[in-house]
C-alpha atoms as a PDB file:
ATOM      1  CA  MET A   1      -0.250  -0.122  -0.250  1.00  0.00           C
ATOM      2  CA  LYS A   2       2.650   2.357   0.969  1.00  0.00           C
ATOM      3  CA  ILE A   3       4.671   1.668  -2.501  1.00  0.00           C
ATOM      4  CA  ILE A   4       1.421   2.569  -4.523  1.00  0.00           C
ATOM      5  CA  ILE A   5       0.811   5.876  -2.561  1.00  0.00           C
ATOM      6  CA  SER A   6       4.541   6.498  -3.389  1.00  0.00           C
ATOM      7  CA  VAL A   7       4.110   5.874  -6.891  1.00  0.00           C
ATOM      8  CA  ILE A   8       0.538   8.039  -7.023  1.00  0.00           C
ATOM      9  CA  ALA A   9       2.720  10.611  -4.828  1.00  0.00           C
ATOM     10  CA  ILE A  10       5.668  10.794  -7.606  1.00  0.00           C
ATOM     11  CA  VAL A  11       3.496  10.694 -10.656  1.00  0.00           C
ATOM     12  CA  LEU A  12       1.497  13.781  -8.763  1.00  0.00           C
ATOM     13  CA  VAL A  13       4.921  15.597  -8.341  1.00  0.00           C
ATOM     14  CA  ALA A  14       6.040  15.127 -11.712  1.00  0.00           C
ATOM     15  CA  PHE A  15       2.667  15.984 -13.631  1.00  0.00           C
ATOM     16  CA  ALA A  16       3.010  19.532 -11.355  1.00  0.00           C
ATOM     17  CA  VAL A  17       6.704  20.385 -12.152  1.00  0.00           C
ATOM     18  CA  PHE A  18       5.452  19.529 -16.389  1.00  0.00           C
ATOM     19  CA  PHE A  19       2.795  21.618 -16.195  1.00  0.00           C
ATOM     20  CA  ILE A  20       4.584  24.364 -14.754  1.00  0.00           C
ATOM     21  CA  PHE A  21       7.310  24.151 -16.614  1.00  0.00           C
ATOM     22  CA  ASN A  22       5.188  23.639 -19.619  1.00  0.00           C
ATOM     23  CA  ASN A  23       3.307  26.957 -18.661  1.00  0.00           C
ATOM     24  CA  LYS A  24       6.847  29.091 -17.857  1.00  0.00           C
ATOM     25  CA  VAL A  25       7.729  28.494 -21.013  1.00  0.00           C
ATOM     26  CA  PHE A  26       4.881  29.422 -23.038  1.00  0.00           C
ATOM     27  CA  GLU A  27       4.278  32.797 -20.351  1.00  0.00           C
ATOM     28  CA  ASP A  28       8.412  33.385 -21.544  1.00  0.00           C
ATOM     29  CA  ALA A  29       7.258  32.787 -25.221  1.00  0.00           C
ATOM     30  CA  ALA A  30       4.540  35.098 -24.976  1.00  0.00           C
ATOM     31  CA  GLU A  31       6.657  37.976 -23.368  1.00  0.00           C
ATOM     32  CA  ASN A  32       9.013  37.740 -26.167  1.00  0.00           C
ATOM     33  CA  VAL A  33       6.530  39.226 -28.473  1.00  0.00           C
ATOM     34  CA  ASN A  34       7.473  42.788 -29.537  1.00  0.00           C
ATOM     35  CA  SER A  35       5.964  42.865 -33.457  1.00  0.00           C
ATOM     36  CA  PHE A  36       2.848  41.736 -35.203  1.00  0.00           C
ATOM     37  CA  GLU A  37       4.725  39.874 -36.791  1.00  0.00           C
ATOM     38  CA  GLU A  38       5.379  38.162 -33.953  1.00  0.00           C
ATOM     39  CA  CYS A  39       2.504  38.221 -32.466  1.00  0.00           C
ATOM     40  CA  LEU A  40       0.593  35.788 -35.888  1.00  0.00           C
ATOM     41  CA  GLU A  41       3.871  33.640 -35.782  1.00  0.00           C
ATOM     42  CA  GLN A  42       2.816  31.729 -32.724  1.00  0.00           C
ATOM     43  CA  GLY A  43      -0.889  31.427 -33.132  1.00  0.00           C
ATOM     44  CA  ASN A  44      -2.659  34.431 -31.049  1.00  0.00           C
ATOM     45  CA  MET A  45      -5.669  35.919 -31.496  1.00  0.00           C
ATOM     46  CA  ILE A  46      -6.159  38.160 -35.017  1.00  0.00           C
ATOM     47  CA  LEU A  47      -8.660  40.927 -34.341  1.00  0.00           C
ATOM     48  CA  GLU A  48     -11.501  41.532 -36.966  1.00  0.00           C
ATOM     49  CA  SER A  49     -10.347  45.131 -37.686  1.00  0.00           C
ATOM     50  CA  TYR A  50      -8.727  47.031 -40.300  1.00  0.00           C
ATOM     51  CA  PRO A  51      -5.824  47.151 -39.808  1.00  0.00           C
ATOM     52  CA  ARG A  52      -5.253  43.613 -38.158  1.00  0.00           C
ATOM     53  CA  GLN A  53      -4.608  43.677 -34.461  1.00  0.00           C
ATOM     54  CA  CYS A  54      -2.765  40.631 -32.560  1.00  0.00           C
ATOM     55  CA  ARG A  55      -3.412  39.601 -29.326  1.00  0.00           C
ATOM     56  CA  THR A  56      -1.349  37.659 -26.842  1.00  0.00           C
ATOM     57  CA  GLU A  57      -2.596  35.291 -23.893  1.00  0.00           C
ATOM     58  CA  LYS A  58      -1.444  37.739 -21.993  1.00  0.00           C
ATOM     59  CA  GLY A  59      -3.052  40.870 -23.743  1.00  0.00           C
ATOM     60  CA  LYS A  60      -0.845  42.908 -25.581  1.00  0.00           C
ATOM     61  CA  THR A  61      -2.086  43.936 -28.521  1.00  0.00           C
ATOM     62  CA  PHE A  62       0.161  44.467 -31.909  1.00  0.00           C
ATOM     63  CA  VAL A  63      -1.170  46.391 -34.837  1.00  0.00           C
ATOM     64  CA  GLU A  64      -0.596  45.268 -38.244  1.00  0.00           C
ATOM     65  CA  TYR A  65       1.674  48.403 -40.022  1.00  0.00           C
ATOM     66  CA  ILE A  66      -0.038  48.956 -43.409  1.00  0.00           C
ATOM     67  CA  GLY A  67       1.822  52.759 -43.707  1.00  0.00           C
ATOM     68  CA  ASN A  68      -0.133  56.156 -44.225  1.00  0.00           C
ATOM     69  CA  GLU A  69      -3.144  54.330 -45.896  1.00  0.00           C
ATOM     70  CA  LEU A  70      -5.569  55.778 -43.251  1.00  0.00           C
ATOM     71  CA  GLU A  71      -4.225  58.891 -43.416  1.00  0.00           C
ATOM     72  CA  LYS A  72      -4.757  59.742 -47.121  1.00  0.00           C
ATOM     73  CA  ARG A  73      -8.151  57.831 -47.623  1.00  0.00           C
ATOM     74  CA  ASP A  74      -9.342  61.602 -48.135  1.00  0.00           C
ATOM     75  CA  LEU A  75      -7.153  62.198 -51.127  1.00  0.00           C
ATOM     76  CA  ILE A  76      -6.022  58.736 -52.905  1.00  0.00           C
ATOM     77  CA  ILE A  77      -7.480  55.008 -52.714  1.00  0.00           C
ATOM     78  CA  ILE A  78      -5.833  52.572 -53.568  1.00  0.00           C
ATOM     79  CA  GLU A  79      -7.825  49.423 -54.977  1.00  0.00           C
ATOM     80  CA  SER A  80      -5.518  46.821 -56.814  1.00  0.00           C
ATOM     81  CA  VAL A  81      -2.604  46.449 -54.510  1.00  0.00           C
ATOM     82  CA  ARG A  82      -3.079  45.883 -50.475  1.00  0.00           C
ATOM     83  CA  PRO A  83      -0.791  46.794 -47.749  1.00  0.00           C
ATOM     84  CA  ASN A  84       1.418  43.275 -46.782  1.00  0.00           C
ATOM     85  CA  GLN A  85       0.464  41.515 -50.320  1.00  0.00           C
ATOM     86  CA  ILE A  86       3.135  39.763 -51.945  1.00  0.00           C
ATOM     87  CA  ILE A  87       3.902  40.981 -55.074  1.00  0.00           C
ATOM     88  CA  SER A  88       5.320  39.893 -58.541  1.00  0.00           C
ATOM     89  CA  SER A  89       6.084  41.898 -61.590  1.00  0.00           C
ATOM     90  CA  PRO A  90       4.541  42.954 -63.442  1.00  0.00           C
ATOM     91  CA  LEU A  91       2.219  44.772 -60.978  1.00  0.00           C
ATOM     92  CA  TYR A  92      -0.996  46.063 -61.971  1.00  0.00           C
ATOM     93  CA  ILE A  93      -2.013  49.007 -59.626  1.00  0.00           C
ATOM     94  CA  SER A  94      -5.161  50.894 -59.398  1.00  0.00           C
ATOM     95  CA  GLY A  95      -7.362  53.366 -57.452  1.00  0.00           C
ATOM     96  CA  LEU A  96      -8.332  56.517 -57.172  1.00  0.00           C
ATOM     97  CA  ALA A  97      -7.098  60.440 -56.287  1.00  0.00           C
ATOM     98  CA  ARG A  98      -8.365  63.379 -56.310  1.00  0.00           C
ATOM     99  CA  GLY A  99      -8.192  65.586 -59.333  1.00  0.00           C
ATOM    100  CA  ASN A 100      -5.616  67.903 -57.206  1.00  0.00           C
ATOM    101  CA  TRP A 101      -3.143  64.768 -57.004  1.00  0.00           C
ATOM    102  CA  PHE A 102      -2.472  64.658 -60.772  1.00  0.00           C
ATOM    103  CA  PHE A 103      -1.198  67.093 -62.939  1.00  0.00           C
ATOM    104  CA  GLU A 104      -1.513  66.660 -66.409  1.00  0.00           C
ATOM    105  CA  ALA A 105      -3.342  63.461 -65.694  1.00  0.00           C
ATOM    106  CA  SER A 106      -0.739  61.524 -64.264  1.00  0.00           C
ATOM    107  CA  PHE A 107       1.539  61.397 -61.006  1.00  0.00           C
ATOM    108  CA  PRO A 108       4.345  58.932 -60.309  1.00  0.00           C
ATOM    109  CA  VAL A 109       4.489  56.052 -58.263  1.00  0.00           C
ATOM    110  CA  LYS A 110       7.871  54.207 -57.043  1.00  0.00           C
ATOM    111  CA  LEU A 111       8.576  50.997 -55.760  1.00  0.00           C
ATOM    112  CA  TYR A 112      11.756  50.680 -53.328  1.00  0.00           C
ATOM    113  CA  ASP A 113      13.457  47.531 -51.554  1.00  0.00           C
ATOM    114  CA  GLU A 114      14.098  47.358 -47.822  1.00  0.00           C
ATOM    115  CA  SER A 115      16.860  49.488 -47.537  1.00  0.00           C
ATOM    116  CA  GLY A 116      15.501  52.146 -49.000  1.00  0.00           C
ATOM    117  CA  ASN A 117      17.090  51.889 -52.882  1.00  0.00           C
ATOM    118  CA  GLN A 118      14.635  52.668 -55.533  1.00  0.00           C
ATOM    119  CA  ILE A 119      13.822  49.620 -57.873  1.00  0.00           C
ATOM    120  CA  SER A 120      11.089  50.923 -60.200  1.00  0.00           C
ATOM    121  CA  PHE A 121       9.138  53.495 -61.460  1.00  0.00           C
ATOM    122  CA  VAL A 122       5.593  54.139 -62.782  1.00  0.00           C
ATOM    123  CA  VAL A 123       4.073  57.174 -64.257  1.00  0.00           C
ATOM    124  CA  VAL A 124       0.153  56.411 -63.559  1.00  0.00           C
ATOM    125  CA  GLN A 125      -2.569  57.425 -65.991  1.00  0.00           C
ATOM    126  CA  ALA A 126      -5.691  59.355 -65.077  1.00  0.00           C
ATOM    127  CA  LYS A 127      -8.529  57.475 -66.577  1.00  0.00           C
ATOM    128  CA  GLU A 128     -10.918  60.714 -66.713  1.00  0.00           C
ATOM    129  CA  ASP A 129     -11.069  64.205 -66.582  1.00  0.00           C
ATOM    130  CA  TRP A 130      -8.680  65.091 -63.885  1.00  0.00           C
ATOM    131  CA  MET A 131      -9.676  69.089 -63.597  1.00  0.00           C
ATOM    132  CA  THR A 132     -11.925  68.039 -60.450  1.00  0.00           C
ATOM    133  CA  GLU A 133     -11.846  68.224 -56.803  1.00  0.00           C
ATOM    134  CA  GLU A 134     -13.809  64.706 -57.126  1.00  0.00           C
ATOM    135  CA  PHE A 135     -12.085  60.933 -56.762  1.00  0.00           C
ATOM    136  CA  VAL A 136     -10.447  60.225 -60.604  1.00  0.00           C
ATOM    137  CA  PRO A 137      -9.893  56.432 -60.985  1.00  0.00           C
ATOM    138  CA  PHE A 138      -6.239  55.796 -62.684  1.00  0.00           C
ATOM    139  CA  GLU A 139      -4.328  52.559 -63.336  1.00  0.00           C
ATOM    140  CA  ALA A 140      -1.129  51.455 -65.010  1.00  0.00           C
ATOM    141  CA  TYR A 141       1.242  48.573 -64.900  1.00  0.00           C
ATOM    142  CA  LEU A 142       4.921  48.291 -63.064  1.00  0.00           C
ATOM    143  CA  GLU A 143       7.602  45.838 -63.667  1.00  0.00           C
ATOM    144  CA  PHE A 144      10.504  45.525 -61.627  1.00  0.00           C
ATOM    145  CA  GLN A 145      13.186  42.731 -60.471  1.00  0.00           C
ATOM    146  CA  ALA A 146      12.164  41.581 -57.108  1.00  0.00           C
ATOM    147  CA  PRO A 147      15.202  42.333 -54.770  1.00  0.00           C
ATOM    148  CA  GLU A 148      17.200  40.201 -52.226  1.00  0.00           C
ATOM    149  CA  SER A 149      15.095  41.273 -49.327  1.00  0.00           C
ATOM    150  CA  LYS A 150      10.975  39.929 -48.562  1.00  0.00           C
ATOM    151  CA  LYS A 151       9.843  43.524 -48.066  1.00  0.00           C
ATOM    152  CA  GLY A 152       9.996  46.531 -49.748  1.00  0.00           C
ATOM    153  CA  THR A 153       7.556  49.729 -50.171  1.00  0.00           C
ATOM    154  CA  LEU A 154       5.355  51.348 -52.610  1.00  0.00           C
ATOM    155  CA  VAL A 155       4.880  54.559 -52.453  1.00  0.00           C
ATOM    156  CA  PHE A 156       2.314  57.101 -54.820  1.00  0.00           C
ATOM    157  CA  GLU A 157       3.433  60.659 -54.807  1.00  0.00           C
ATOM    158  CA  LYS A 158       1.238  63.687 -55.183  1.00  0.00           C
ATOM    159  CA  ASP A 159       2.542  65.258 -58.493  1.00  0.00           C
ATOM    160  CA  ASN A 160       4.295  68.423 -57.433  1.00  0.00           C
ATOM    161  CA  PRO A 161       5.762  70.353 -60.836  1.00  0.00           C
ATOM    162  CA  SER A 162       6.712  73.372 -58.348  1.00  0.00           C
ATOM    163  CA  GLY A 163       8.855  71.255 -56.550  1.00  0.00           C
ATOM    164  CA  LEU A 164       7.514  73.330 -53.229  1.00  0.00           C
ATOM    165  CA  SER A 165       7.603  71.382 -49.860  1.00  0.00           C
ATOM    166  CA  GLU A 166       4.286  72.311 -49.084  1.00  0.00           C
ATOM    167  CA  ASN A 167       2.677  71.199 -51.970  1.00  0.00           C
ATOM    168  CA  SER A 168       4.061  67.780 -51.431  1.00  0.00           C
ATOM    169  CA  ASP A 169       2.586  64.851 -50.791  1.00  0.00           C
ATOM    170  CA  LYS A 170       2.594  60.611 -50.890  1.00  0.00           C
ATOM    171  CA  LEU A 171       0.831  57.501 -49.381  1.00  0.00           C
ATOM    172  CA  GLU A 172       3.197  54.855 -48.128  1.00  0.00           C
ATOM    173  CA  MET A 173       2.353  51.221 -48.543  1.00  0.00           C
ATOM    174  CA  PRO A 174       4.724  48.392 -47.230  1.00  0.00           C
ATOM    175  CA  ILE A 175       4.453  45.644 -49.515  1.00  0.00           C
ATOM    176  CA  LEU A 176       5.966  41.646 -49.494  1.00  0.00           C
ATOM    177  CA  PHE A 177       8.063  40.587 -52.689  1.00  0.00           C
ATOM    178  CA  TYR A 178       7.058  36.948 -53.962  1.00  0.00           C
ATOM    179  CA  GLU A 179       9.674  34.476 -53.726  1.00  0.00           C
END
């Protein structure tokens, strides 16, 4: 009888140690989360929001970086490329921009790698009359050679023939390159 009780006690102690150790490892992993990507990789809860948010077991929340898209939504709306989308060449670009974003019915779009090196450039063309304060549809195809880095930035620049900084504006969107 003493042997059975001893075996049960040893099993219970082993189970308790195992449970405490595993719980500590999980807590340590959750405490090491420092970004939306790390939170996502660990399989934490993704909240239905835009931009997406990831919440750890400890309640720490990380917001997905989408550039300044929300700040510029009253000036330019990108339809065909979304933040953090995996892209390949040729990339179809379309959307709507206020008429004052254009000059002579166009504006530049530039693609940069993770280090800030310009990879490609295209001039987007208005599909309708751009001499308005309303939204005007645009489209273009951007051809590029994918860099070694996995991340980059797509920049939609307000055309600024004056060169004055007070007339400059841009929408920056993080993208991922297809491997």
